[in-house]
Amino acid sequence: KVDLLERELREGHEKRTAAGVCMPQADSVFVETLRNLERVSDHADNIAADVLMKY
């Protein structure tokens, strides 16, 4: 679910950047933030799976 949201947000950002709505300088910050949030989601999923297997 988070992967799909990340993809949608990235595509929307690309469209806004191409249309001149977003500044190109913000691109790396936005993309890096999305990547980090997706990684946090993956870690949370791994932790939850581990906890569920133990209990």
Protein backbone atom coordinates (compact mmCIF):
# COMPACT_ATOMS: atom_id res chain seq x y z
CA LYS A 1 0.00 0.00 0.00
CA VAL A 2 2.81 2.42 0.87
CA ASP A 3 4.68 1.46 -2.30
CA LEU A 4 1.65 2.43 -4.39
CA LEU A 5 1.26 5.72 -2.52
CA GLU A 6 4.95 6.48 -3.02
CA ARG A 7 4.65 5.82 -6.75
CA GLU A 8 1.57 8.07 -7.01
CA LEU A 9 3.25 10.88 -5.08
CA ARG A 10 6.41 10.61 -7.18
CA GLU A 11 4.42 10.71 -10.44
CA GLY A 12 2.44 13.72 -9.23
CA HIS A 13 5.65 15.49 -8.29
CA GLU A 14 7.16 14.76 -11.71
CA LYS A 15 4.10 16.25 -13.40
CA ARG A 16 4.20 19.35 -11.18
CA THR A 17 7.91 19.81 -11.84
CA ALA A 18 7.42 19.44 -15.60
CA ALA A 19 4.56 21.97 -15.47
CA GLY A 20 6.75 24.43 -13.59
CA VAL A 21 4.65 24.30 -10.43
CA CYS A 22 7.46 22.85 -8.32
CA MET A 23 11.00 24.15 -8.31
CA PRO A 24 13.58 21.69 -9.67
CA GLN A 25 15.74 22.38 -6.60
CA ALA A 26 13.05 20.79 -4.43
CA ASP A 27 13.17 17.57 -6.46
CA SER A 28 15.97 15.88 -4.56
CA VAL A 29 14.47 16.76 -1.17
CA PHE A 30 11.03 15.46 -2.16
CA VAL A 31 12.32 12.26 -3.74
CA GLU A 32 14.70 11.55 -0.85
CA THR A 33 11.90 12.13 1.67
CA LEU A 34 9.64 9.70 -0.19
CA ARG A 35 12.42 7.13 -0.33
CA ASN A 36 13.09 7.45 3.40
CA LEU A 37 9.40 7.16 4.30
CA GLU A 38 9.13 4.04 2.14
CA ARG A 39 12.14 2.55 3.94
CA VAL A 40 10.58 3.34 7.33
CA SER A 41 7.43 1.57 6.16
CA ASP A 42 9.45 -1.47 5.10
CA HIS A 43 11.22 -1.59 8.46
CA ALA A 44 7.92 -1.27 10.34
CA ASP A 45 6.48 -4.10 8.26
CA ASN A 46 9.50 -6.30 9.04
CA ILE A 47 9.24 -5.54 12.76
CA ALA A 48 5.52 -6.28 12.79
CA ALA A 49 6.04 -9.58 10.97
CA ASP A 50 8.76 -10.57 13.45
CA VAL A 51 6.58 -9.71 16.45
CA LEU A 52 3.63 -11.64 15.04
CA MET A 53 5.80 -14.72 14.44
CA LYS A 54 7.06 -14.67 18.03
CA TYR A 55 3.65 -14.27 19.67
